[in-house]
């Protein structure tokens, strides 16, 4: 994971001075604020300065950690403090782990979580979050109010937002069980600190009070409660017809992209050569349309779904189950790159490239795929024409795979490759 993550490194190192400590960060252009430490992060750190210095703040959660400046700063100030840093992006987790090592921090624990859904502990003294500017209101409400389920009694949540989100945040926090203890406005950001009262319990909907005041809180995860739900979409492509449930924050919520159409057309071409299909691996599966089509068409004995984005993996799981694929037939892998220890070797690897990830990451992905494929295995990869053209040059130069077929759909291209 760390070796593959290095292909995303910008080569730039950022520094942060906090409480007479200097921290260093390796960054990636794929992660938020890779040019400099974000002004919102700096403002939030300033407002929690007293909490950062306090030895009573023994356990901290950094939600949506990016490459780790918030949580690692608090870990550096108090070495006896335990800090959990979580993000739905596995690349962020990989960079945070690397930056914890770069700063000799043994009291920082980084792992993947979709919001609070995968946080195992409920005894944090402080929750920190730099809330994304494009987060929808249901996700913002979950970040703000579901914090109560992971905090110690009397614990504090401190968040920073861009000014357009300040009014919605204030409205969400205007509830009888929330006490806002600080609101500070900077030139480009607004910070809120708040606590929860212990007099009332609320049910699993973070916006509604529980009338009888007695039932347990946090019955379901935010994903199960529909916080990320967008709607239902019908896929109808060359005789394949099925429905998927789409999630906010993922592409292809209303129609197939040209890249996915190319993958599905390529799947129909290679399918006959791989029946029965023992093992298929899908990278960057998005909403789950490609895995569902793969299941419907070839019913592989095993499917491995790998993605950086934990939301994508949750959406894929839901849509495979929704379309009749048994849970034991597939494995979800949350990491950047491909799982090199996977066994048996996949007979088929397919997926859509994220064009933003760049040539170094794409080349690293192809090297992994070439190492993974079975002797007669094939690889279907699609992306923008420029991306695929660069990739094709790398494949030929390094003799990674044999190019079997090329296909174009407007400004997008597909390569069908086979093991050498």
Protein backbone atom coordinates (compact mmCIF):
# COMPACT_ATOMS: atom_id res chain seq x y z
CA UNK A 1 0.00 0.00 0.00
CA UNK A 2 2.73 2.48 0.98
CA UNK A 3 4.82 1.65 -2.09
CA UNK A 4 1.87 2.27 -4.39
CA UNK A 5 0.91 5.44 -2.49
CA UNK A 6 4.36 6.86 -3.26
CA UNK A 7 3.33 7.08 -6.91
CA UNK A 8 0.90 9.82 -5.81
CA UNK A 9 3.48 11.86 -3.90
CA UNK A 10 3.97 15.41 -5.19
CA UNK A 11 7.58 15.53 -3.99
CA UNK A 12 6.70 18.57 -1.88
CA UNK A 13 7.05 18.68 1.90
CA UNK A 14 4.94 20.99 4.06
CA UNK A 15 5.78 22.11 7.60
CA UNK A 16 3.55 23.15 10.48
CA UNK A 17 4.68 24.86 13.70
CA UNK A 18 2.33 24.25 16.61
CA UNK A 19 2.95 24.56 20.36
CA UNK A 20 6.72 24.83 19.81
CA UNK A 21 6.69 21.64 17.79
CA UNK A 22 7.51 21.38 14.08
CA UNK A 23 5.73 18.78 11.99
CA UNK A 24 6.56 17.70 8.44
CA UNK A 25 4.08 16.34 5.91
CA UNK A 26 4.47 14.55 2.61
CA UNK A 27 1.47 15.39 0.43
CA UNK A 28 -0.33 14.33 -2.73
CA UNK A 29 -2.15 16.48 -5.25
CA UNK A 30 -5.01 13.97 -4.96
CA UNK A 31 -5.63 15.09 -1.37
CA UNK A 32 -7.09 18.34 -0.06
CA UNK A 33 -4.77 21.33 0.37
CA UNK A 34 -1.56 19.84 -0.99
CA UNK A 35 -0.07 23.25 -1.82
CA UNK A 36 -0.02 24.52 1.77
CA UNK A 37 -1.58 23.78 5.16
CA UNK A 38 -5.19 24.92 4.74
CA UNK A 39 -6.17 28.20 6.44
CA UNK A 40 -9.20 26.47 7.95
CA UNK A 41 -6.97 23.84 9.53
CA UNK A 42 -4.75 26.56 10.99
CA UNK A 43 -7.77 28.43 12.39
CA UNK A 44 -9.20 25.27 13.94
CA UNK A 45 -5.83 24.43 15.53
CA UNK A 46 -5.64 27.97 16.94
CA UNK A 47 -9.09 27.71 18.54
CA UNK A 48 -8.31 24.33 20.19
CA UNK A 49 -4.91 25.46 21.48
CA UNK A 50 -5.91 25.16 25.16
CA UNK A 51 -7.45 21.73 24.58
CA UNK A 52 -4.34 20.64 22.68
CA UNK A 53 -2.15 21.59 25.65
CA UNK A 54 -4.43 19.97 28.25
CA UNK A 55 -3.42 16.58 29.62
CA UNK A 56 -7.14 16.01 30.31
CA UNK A 57 -7.74 15.60 26.57
CA UNK A 58 -6.45 12.06 26.46
CA UNK A 59 -8.14 10.78 23.31
CA UNK A 60 -8.86 12.63 20.07
CA UNK A 61 -10.64 11.74 16.82
CA UNK A 62 -9.75 13.54 13.58
CA UNK A 63 -12.63 12.89 11.17
CA UNK A 64 -11.72 13.29 7.49
CA UNK A 65 -8.03 13.54 8.28
CA UNK A 66 -6.58 14.05 4.77
CA UNK A 67 -2.81 13.71 5.08
CA UNK A 68 -3.10 14.28 8.85
CA UNK A 69 -2.26 17.88 9.90
CA UNK A 70 -5.01 18.27 12.52
CA UNK A 71 -4.72 14.97 14.34
CA UNK A 72 -0.95 14.62 14.07
CA UNK A 73 -0.47 18.13 15.46
CA UNK A 74 -2.44 17.15 18.58
CA UNK A 75 -0.54 13.88 18.82
CA UNK A 76 2.78 15.75 18.69
CA UNK A 77 1.85 18.17 21.48
CA UNK A 78 1.00 15.42 24.00
CA UNK A 79 2.88 12.14 23.36
CA UNK A 80 0.76 10.33 25.97
CA UNK A 81 -2.41 11.23 24.09
CA UNK A 82 -4.01 8.70 21.69
CA UNK A 83 -5.25 10.15 18.40
CA UNK A 84 -7.42 8.31 15.87
CA UNK A 85 -7.30 9.72 12.33
CA UNK A 86 -9.94 8.45 9.90
CA UNK A 87 -10.87 9.13 6.29
CA UNK A 88 -13.05 7.44 3.68
CA UNK A 89 -10.14 7.79 1.19
CA UNK A 90 -7.56 5.02 1.63
CA UNK A 91 -4.93 7.24 -0.01
CA UNK A 92 -5.43 9.78 2.79
CA UNK A 93 -5.02 6.99 5.34
CA UNK A 94 -1.80 5.83 3.65
CA UNK A 95 -0.33 9.35 3.66
CA UNK A 96 -1.39 9.91 7.28
CA UNK A 97 0.35 6.71 8.35
CA UNK A 98 3.47 7.73 6.46
CA UNK A 99 3.38 11.21 8.02
CA UNK A 100 2.96 9.75 11.50
CA UNK A 101 6.17 7.82 10.89
CA UNK A 102 7.88 10.90 9.42
CA UNK A 103 7.16 12.75 12.68
CA UNK A 104 8.08 9.81 14.97
CA UNK A 105 4.55 9.57 16.35
CA UNK A 106 3.63 6.26 17.95
CA UNK A 107 0.40 7.61 19.48
CA UNK A 108 -1.47 8.11 16.19
CA UNK A 109 -3.72 5.46 14.65
CA UNK A 110 -4.97 5.96 11.08
CA UNK A 111 -7.66 3.84 9.41
CA UNK A 112 -10.54 4.01 6.96
CA UNK A 113 -14.00 5.05 8.06
CA UNK A 114 -17.09 6.37 6.29
CA UNK A 115 -17.93 9.18 8.67
CA UNK A 116 -18.17 7.62 12.14
CA UNK A 117 -19.46 4.30 10.76
CA UNK A 118 -16.17 2.42 11.23
CA UNK A 119 -14.91 4.12 14.39
CA UNK A 120 -14.83 1.38 17.05
CA UNK A 121 -14.48 3.54 20.19
CA UNK A 122 -16.91 5.86 21.97
CA UNK A 123 -14.68 7.52 24.58
CA UNK A 124 -13.09 10.46 22.79
CA UNK A 125 -12.56 13.73 24.65
CA UNK A 126 -12.33 15.77 21.46
CA UNK A 127 -13.57 15.33 17.89
CA UNK A 128 -12.07 17.50 15.15
CA UNK A 129 -13.24 17.91 11.56
CA UNK A 130 -12.51 20.22 8.65
CA UNK A 131 -15.87 19.71 6.96
CA UNK A 132 -15.67 19.55 3.12
CA UNK A 133 -17.25 22.51 1.38
CA UNK A 134 -19.15 20.24 -1.03
CA UNK A 135 -20.64 17.96 1.61
CA UNK A 136 -24.44 17.84 1.33
CA UNK A 137 -26.67 18.79 4.23
CA UNK A 138 -27.46 15.19 5.32
CA UNK A 139 -23.74 14.38 5.49
CA UNK A 140 -23.00 17.61 7.38
CA UNK A 141 -25.78 16.85 9.86
CA UNK A 142 -24.33 13.38 10.40
CA UNK A 143 -20.80 14.75 10.98
CA UNK A 144 -22.11 17.32 13.46
CA UNK A 145 -24.67 15.34 15.44
CA UNK A 146 -23.42 11.75 15.26
CA UNK A 147 -20.31 12.93 17.12
CA UNK A 148 -22.35 12.45 20.31
CA UNK A 149 -22.04 8.68 19.88
CA UNK A 150 -18.23 8.64 19.98
CA UNK A 151 -17.65 11.28 22.71
CA UNK A 152 -17.11 10.93 26.43
CA UNK A 153 -19.71 12.77 28.53
CA UNK A 154 -18.70 16.42 28.40
CA UNK A 155 -16.51 15.90 25.34
CA UNK A 156 -16.10 18.67 22.78
CA UNK A 157 -16.57 18.68 19.01
CA UNK A 158 -14.69 21.36 17.06
CA UNK A 159 -15.35 21.87 13.35
CA UNK A 160 -14.32 24.39 10.72
CA UNK A 161 -16.35 25.27 7.62
CA UNK A 162 -16.29 27.75 4.75
CA UNK A 163 -18.62 30.78 5.24
CA UNK A 164 -21.46 29.50 3.01
CA UNK A 165 -21.83 26.51 5.36
CA UNK A 166 -21.85 28.59 8.55
CA UNK A 167 -25.61 29.29 8.53
CA UNK A 168 -26.60 25.64 7.82
CA UNK A 169 -24.22 24.45 10.56
CA UNK A 170 -25.64 26.94 13.06
CA UNK A 171 -29.16 25.80 12.16
CA UNK A 172 -28.29 22.11 12.59
CA UNK A 173 -26.68 22.84 15.97
CA UNK A 174 -29.70 24.83 17.17
CA UNK A 175 -31.15 21.96 19.21
CA UNK A 176 -31.97 21.47 22.90
CA UNK A 177 -29.22 18.89 23.42
CA UNK A 178 -26.39 21.01 21.94
CA UNK A 179 -24.48 23.82 23.62
CA UNK A 180 -22.33 25.91 21.28
CA UNK A 181 -19.43 27.11 23.42
CA UNK A 182 -17.45 28.99 20.75
CA UNK A 183 -18.02 30.48 17.33
CA UNK A 184 -15.04 32.21 15.74
CA UNK A 185 -14.92 33.71 12.27
CA UNK A 186 -11.73 34.06 10.27
CA UNK A 187 -11.24 35.73 6.89
CA UNK A 188 -12.19 32.55 4.99
CA UNK A 189 -13.56 30.10 7.58
CA UNK A 190 -15.83 29.77 10.59
CA UNK A 191 -15.14 27.52 13.60
CA UNK A 192 -17.74 26.01 15.95
CA UNK A 193 -17.04 24.29 19.28
CA UNK A 194 -19.97 22.55 20.97
CA UNK A 195 -20.99 19.96 23.57
CA UNK A 196 -23.93 17.64 23.98
CA UNK A 197 -26.16 17.52 27.05
CA UNK A 198 -26.79 14.18 28.73
CA UNK A 199 -30.43 14.88 29.60
CA UNK A 200 -31.87 13.66 26.32
CA UNK A 201 -31.39 10.66 24.06
CA UNK A 202 -32.10 10.86 20.36
CA UNK A 203 -32.80 8.11 17.92
CA UNK A 204 -30.80 7.15 14.84
CA UNK A 205 -32.06 10.14 12.84
CA UNK A 206 -29.70 12.97 13.87
CA UNK A 207 -32.33 15.62 13.14
CA UNK A 208 -35.23 14.20 15.16
CA UNK A 209 -35.86 13.92 18.89
CA UNK A 210 -36.93 10.56 20.28
CA UNK A 211 -40.30 11.02 21.92
CA UNK A 212 -40.01 8.41 24.69
CA UNK A 213 -36.42 9.48 25.59
CA UNK A 214 -35.50 5.87 26.44
CA UNK A 215 -34.49 3.91 23.35
CA UNK A 216 -30.77 3.51 22.54
CA UNK A 217 -29.00 5.92 20.21
CA UNK A 218 -27.04 5.18 17.02
CA UNK A 219 -29.06 2.14 15.98
CA UNK A 220 -27.66 2.08 12.44
CA UNK A 221 -24.69 3.46 10.56
CA UNK A 222 -25.09 6.67 8.58
CA UNK A 223 -24.89 4.66 5.36
CA UNK A 224 -27.66 2.30 6.53
CA UNK A 225 -29.78 5.28 7.54
CA UNK A 226 -29.61 6.64 3.99
CA UNK A 227 -27.43 9.68 4.71
CA UNK A 228 -25.62 9.19 1.37
CA UNK A 229 -28.59 8.00 -0.69
CA UNK A 230 -29.31 9.74 -3.97
CA UNK A 231 -31.89 7.61 -5.76
CA UNK A 232 -32.46 4.65 -8.05
CA UNK A 233 -31.16 4.30 -11.59
CA UNK A 234 -31.99 1.81 -14.32
CA UNK A 235 -29.13 0.54 -16.47
CA UNK A 236 -30.13 -0.69 -19.92
CA UNK A 237 -27.14 -1.43 -22.14
CA UNK A 238 -27.07 -3.86 -25.06
CA UNK A 239 -29.50 -6.32 -23.54
CA UNK A 240 -28.29 -5.90 -19.96
CA UNK A 241 -30.98 -4.42 -17.75
CA UNK A 242 -30.76 -3.90 -13.98
CA UNK A 243 -31.31 -1.29 -11.27
CA UNK A 244 -28.77 0.27 -8.93
CA UNK A 245 -29.20 2.48 -5.88
CA UNK A 246 -26.97 5.53 -6.28
CA UNK A 247 -25.01 7.41 -3.61
CA UNK A 248 -24.28 11.13 -3.34
CA UNK A 249 -20.65 12.01 -3.84
CA UNK A 250 -19.97 9.30 -6.44
CA UNK A 251 -19.99 9.78 -10.22
CA UNK A 252 -22.49 8.20 -12.63
CA UNK A 253 -25.58 8.81 -10.52
CA UNK A 254 -27.90 9.33 -13.51
CA UNK A 255 -26.36 7.59 -16.53
CA UNK A 256 -23.49 5.40 -17.67
CA UNK A 257 -20.27 7.23 -18.43
CA UNK A 258 -18.54 6.63 -21.75
CA UNK A 259 -15.74 4.86 -19.85
CA UNK A 260 -18.19 2.44 -18.26
CA UNK A 261 -19.91 1.83 -21.60
CA UNK A 262 -16.54 0.90 -23.06
CA UNK A 263 -15.87 -1.53 -20.19
CA UNK A 264 -19.28 -3.16 -20.62
CA UNK A 265 -18.80 -3.49 -24.37
CA UNK A 266 -15.37 -5.00 -23.80
CA UNK A 267 -16.80 -7.36 -21.21
CA UNK A 268 -19.17 -8.76 -23.82
CA UNK A 269 -16.21 -9.41 -26.14
CA UNK A 270 -14.00 -11.24 -23.63
CA UNK A 271 -16.77 -12.98 -21.70
CA UNK A 272 -16.98 -16.10 -23.84
CA UNK A 273 -13.29 -16.87 -23.33
CA UNK A 274 -13.61 -16.93 -19.57
CA UNK A 275 -16.55 -19.24 -18.83
CA UNK A 276 -16.54 -20.42 -16.16
CA UNK A 277 -14.81 -17.41 -14.61
CA UNK A 278 -12.99 -18.29 -11.40
CA UNK A 279 -11.86 -14.89 -10.17
CA UNK A 280 -12.47 -11.33 -11.38
CA UNK A 281 -11.05 -8.14 -9.89
CA UNK A 282 -12.71 -4.75 -10.39
CA UNK A 283 -10.87 -1.55 -9.47
CA UNK A 284 -12.57 1.84 -9.03
CA UNK A 285 -16.06 0.25 -9.21
CA UNK A 286 -17.94 3.54 -8.61
CA UNK A 287 -21.66 3.04 -7.92
CA UNK A 288 -21.34 -0.67 -8.73
CA UNK A 289 -22.66 -0.86 -12.29
CA UNK A 290 -19.63 -2.68 -13.71
CA UNK A 291 -19.56 -5.30 -10.89
CA UNK A 292 -23.33 -5.91 -11.27
CA UNK A 293 -22.99 -6.31 -15.05
CA UNK A 294 -20.04 -8.65 -14.50
CA UNK A 295 -22.06 -10.74 -12.05
CA UNK A 296 -25.09 -10.89 -14.34
CA UNK A 297 -23.06 -11.83 -17.39
CA UNK A 298 -20.31 -14.15 -16.11
CA UNK A 299 -21.18 -14.99 -12.45
CA UNK A 300 -17.53 -15.36 -11.34
CA UNK A 301 -16.86 -17.75 -8.49
CA UNK A 302 -15.05 -14.92 -6.71
CA UNK A 303 -15.05 -11.15 -7.16
CA UNK A 304 -12.60 -8.74 -5.55
CA UNK A 305 -13.68 -5.09 -5.49
CA UNK A 306 -10.95 -2.60 -4.66
CA UNK A 307 -11.23 1.17 -4.29
CA UNK A 308 -9.71 4.08 -2.40
CA UNK A 309 -13.21 5.36 -1.59
CA UNK A 310 -15.02 3.53 1.18
CA UNK A 311 -18.34 5.05 0.08
CA UNK A 312 -17.92 3.38 -3.30
CA UNK A 313 -17.31 0.00 -1.69
CA UNK A 314 -20.43 0.34 0.48
CA UNK A 315 -22.49 1.30 -2.58
CA UNK A 316 -21.07 -1.63 -4.57
CA UNK A 317 -21.85 -4.07 -1.77
CA UNK A 318 -25.43 -2.84 -1.55
CA UNK A 319 -25.97 -3.03 -5.32
CA UNK A 320 -24.48 -6.49 -5.70
CA UNK A 321 -26.74 -7.79 -2.94
CA UNK A 322 -29.69 -5.90 -4.46
CA UNK A 323 -29.04 -7.71 -7.76
CA UNK A 324 -28.84 -11.19 -6.28
CA UNK A 325 -25.10 -11.73 -5.77
CA UNK A 326 -24.49 -13.72 -2.56
CA UNK A 327 -22.31 -11.91 -0.02
CA UNK A 328 -19.83 -14.79 0.14
CA UNK A 329 -19.07 -14.36 -3.59
CA UNK A 330 -17.23 -11.05 -3.25
CA UNK A 331 -14.55 -9.32 -1.18
CA UNK A 332 -14.25 -5.59 -0.56
CA UNK A 333 -10.72 -4.15 -0.33
CA UNK A 334 -10.23 -0.56 0.81
CA UNK A 335 -6.80 0.57 -0.37
CA UNK A 336 -5.01 2.50 -3.10
CA UNK A 337 -3.82 0.20 -5.86
CA UNK A 338 -4.49 -3.52 -6.18
CA UNK A 339 -4.24 -6.25 -3.49
CA UNK A 340 -1.00 -7.98 -4.49
CA UNK A 341 -1.43 -10.82 -2.00
CA UNK A 342 -4.72 -11.90 -3.58
CA UNK A 343 -5.17 -15.60 -4.32
CA UNK A 344 -6.09 -17.22 -6.67
CA UNK A 345 -4.75 -14.96 -9.45
CA UNK A 346 -7.59 -13.15 -11.25
CA UNK A 347 -8.55 -14.33 -14.72
CA UNK A 348 -10.02 -10.92 -15.46
CA UNK A 349 -9.17 -7.43 -14.18
CA UNK A 350 -11.29 -4.48 -15.22
CA UNK A 351 -11.89 -0.90 -14.24
CA UNK A 352 -12.03 2.79 -15.05
CA UNK A 353 -8.99 4.98 -14.44
CA UNK A 354 -9.31 8.16 -12.41
CA UNK A 355 -7.74 10.60 -14.84
CA UNK A 356 -6.76 12.94 -11.97
CA UNK A 357 -4.42 10.37 -10.46
CA UNK A 358 -1.77 10.95 -13.10
CA UNK A 359 0.64 8.88 -15.22
CA UNK A 360 2.84 7.63 -12.36
CA UNK A 361 -0.10 6.12 -10.49
CA UNK A 362 -1.60 4.65 -13.67
CA UNK A 363 1.73 3.03 -14.59
CA UNK A 364 2.04 1.61 -11.07
CA UNK A 365 -1.47 0.17 -11.37
CA UNK A 366 -0.59 -1.57 -14.64
CA UNK A 367 2.55 -3.07 -13.09
CA UNK A 368 0.44 -4.46 -10.28
CA UNK A 369 -2.15 -5.82 -12.71
CA UNK A 370 0.55 -7.50 -14.83
CA UNK A 371 1.96 -9.16 -11.69
CA UNK A 372 -1.48 -10.33 -10.59
CA UNK A 373 -3.07 -11.73 -13.76
CA UNK A 374 -3.31 -15.46 -14.31
CA UNK A 375 -1.39 -16.96 -17.24
CA UNK A 376 -4.35 -16.58 -19.63
CA UNK A 377 -5.78 -13.53 -17.89
CA UNK A 378 -7.08 -10.36 -19.52
CA UNK A 379 -7.33 -6.74 -18.44
CA UNK A 380 -9.91 -4.14 -19.52
CA UNK A 381 -9.03 -0.54 -18.70
CA UNK A 382 -10.74 2.66 -19.84
CA UNK A 383 -10.09 6.35 -19.41
CA UNK A 384 -9.65 9.62 -21.26
CA UNK A 385 -7.88 9.34 -24.62
CA UNK A 386 -4.79 11.22 -23.41
CA UNK A 387 -4.58 9.05 -20.29
CA UNK A 388 -4.85 5.80 -22.26
CA UNK A 389 -2.35 6.98 -24.91
CA UNK A 390 0.26 7.66 -22.21
CA UNK A 391 -0.50 4.38 -20.53
CA UNK A 392 -0.17 2.44 -23.77
CA UNK A 393 3.35 3.84 -24.24
CA UNK A 394 4.33 2.69 -20.75
CA UNK A 395 2.88 -0.79 -21.32
CA UNK A 396 4.83 -1.18 -24.57
CA UNK A 397 8.06 0.25 -23.19
CA UNK A 398 8.07 -1.96 -20.10
CA UNK A 399 6.56 -4.96 -21.90
CA UNK A 400 4.00 -5.36 -19.13
CA UNK A 401 1.10 -6.81 -21.13
CA UNK A 402 0.10 -7.57 -24.70
CA UNK A 403 -2.37 -5.18 -26.32
CA UNK A 404 -5.17 -7.26 -27.77
CA UNK A 405 -7.66 -4.60 -28.84
CA UNK A 406 -8.36 -0.88 -28.71
CA UNK A 407 -11.73 0.82 -28.76
CA UNK A 408 -12.92 4.44 -28.71
CA UNK A 409 -16.10 6.14 -27.49
CA UNK A 410 -15.93 9.88 -28.17
CA UNK A 411 -13.02 11.24 -26.10
CA UNK A 412 -12.67 8.03 -24.10
CA UNK A 413 -10.72 4.88 -24.93
CA UNK A 414 -10.58 1.25 -23.92
CA UNK A 415 -7.63 -1.13 -23.94
CA UNK A 416 -8.13 -4.87 -23.84
CA UNK A 417 -4.85 -6.45 -22.73
CA UNK A 418 -3.70 -9.95 -21.98
CA UNK A 419 -0.96 -11.47 -19.89
CA UNK A 420 2.38 -11.89 -21.65
